[in-house]
Amino acid sequence: MAFVITSPCKDEKAAECMDVCPVDCIEEGKDMFYIDPAICIDCGACEAVCPVEAIYIEDEVPEEEQQYIEINKKFFEEQ
């Protein structure tokens, strides 16, 4: 299970999450950041520093943000 970045990150892109990720699984997209689920080690470092509280463990993504699980996966499939 990986962490997922959701809508509060859209157009925010503060980047603290990238700075603390020990496995460099976070990539910058056009309008937000994305976490590679194949690389994420579920450490939670990114979640703790997100200034807009956009990062959730996949099982805890709020219902209204569920589409970001697929958006995140598709970002890495298209690379």
Protein backbone atom coordinates (compact mmCIF):
# COMPACT_ATOMS: atom_id res chain seq x y z
CA MET A 1 0.00 0.00 0.00
CA ALA A 2 1.29 3.45 -0.89
CA PHE A 3 0.58 7.01 0.06
CA VAL A 4 -1.51 9.13 -2.30
CA ILE A 5 -1.41 12.88 -2.93
CA THR A 6 -4.87 14.44 -3.28
CA SER A 7 -6.52 17.66 -4.47
CA PRO A 8 -5.15 20.14 -1.89
CA CYS A 9 -1.77 19.73 -3.65
CA LYS A 10 -3.21 20.75 -7.01
CA ASP A 11 -1.54 24.01 -8.01
CA GLU A 12 0.16 24.20 -4.56
CA LYS A 13 3.32 22.16 -5.10
CA ALA A 14 5.12 23.14 -1.89
CA ALA A 15 7.68 20.30 -2.35
CA GLU A 16 8.43 19.55 1.31
CA CYS A 17 7.32 16.00 0.57
CA MET A 18 10.03 15.55 -2.07
CA ASP A 19 12.68 16.86 0.28
CA VAL A 20 11.99 14.25 2.98
CA CYS A 21 11.24 11.14 0.90
CA PRO A 22 14.02 8.61 1.61
CA VAL A 23 13.39 6.63 -1.62
CA ASP A 24 12.68 9.48 -4.06
CA CYS A 25 9.28 8.11 -5.03
CA ILE A 26 7.63 11.53 -5.44
CA GLU A 27 7.64 13.16 -8.86
CA GLU A 28 6.49 16.56 -9.97
CA GLY A 29 3.73 16.69 -12.55
CA LYS A 30 2.31 19.65 -14.45
CA ASP A 31 0.02 20.83 -11.65
CA MET A 32 0.80 18.66 -8.60
CA PHE A 33 3.08 15.97 -7.16
CA TYR A 34 2.56 12.20 -7.45
CA ILE A 35 3.80 9.24 -5.40
CA ASP A 36 5.01 6.18 -7.31
CA PRO A 37 3.16 3.26 -5.65
CA ALA A 38 5.80 0.80 -6.89
CA ILE A 39 8.58 2.61 -5.00
CA CYS A 40 6.81 4.04 -1.91
CA ILE A 41 7.87 2.26 1.29
CA ASP A 42 4.96 3.62 3.38
CA CYS A 43 7.23 5.45 5.80
CA GLY A 44 4.89 8.44 6.21
CA ALA A 45 7.62 11.08 6.08
CA CYS A 46 5.82 12.93 3.29
CA GLU A 47 2.48 12.94 5.09
CA ALA A 48 4.01 14.51 8.19
CA VAL A 49 5.47 17.52 6.36
CA CYS A 50 2.71 18.30 3.83
CA PRO A 51 1.64 21.90 4.57
CA VAL A 52 -1.78 21.45 2.91
CA GLU A 53 -2.54 17.97 4.36
CA ALA A 54 -2.95 16.44 0.89
CA ILE A 55 -1.23 13.10 1.55
CA TYR A 56 -3.01 9.98 2.81
CA ILE A 57 -2.22 6.30 3.08
CA GLU A 58 -4.26 4.67 0.29
CA ASP A 59 -6.76 3.00 2.65
CA GLU A 60 -7.50 6.34 4.36
CA VAL A 61 -8.06 8.59 1.33
CA PRO A 62 -11.36 10.42 1.99
CA GLU A 63 -14.30 9.32 -0.15
CA GLU A 64 -14.42 12.65 -2.00
CA GLU A 65 -10.73 12.24 -2.94
CA GLN A 66 -10.85 8.59 -4.08
CA GLN A 67 -10.33 9.51 -7.75
CA TYR A 68 -6.79 10.59 -6.88
CA ILE A 69 -5.79 6.97 -6.26
CA GLU A 70 -6.36 6.26 -9.97
CA ILE A 71 -5.00 9.64 -11.09
CA ASN A 72 -1.79 8.87 -9.21
CA LYS A 73 -1.45 5.37 -10.70
CA LYS A 74 -2.13 6.63 -14.23
CA PHE A 75 0.57 9.28 -13.92
CA PHE A 76 3.20 6.55 -13.54
CA GLU A 77 1.66 4.23 -16.16
CA GLU A 78 1.97 6.99 -18.77
CA GLN A 79 5.66 7.64 -18.07
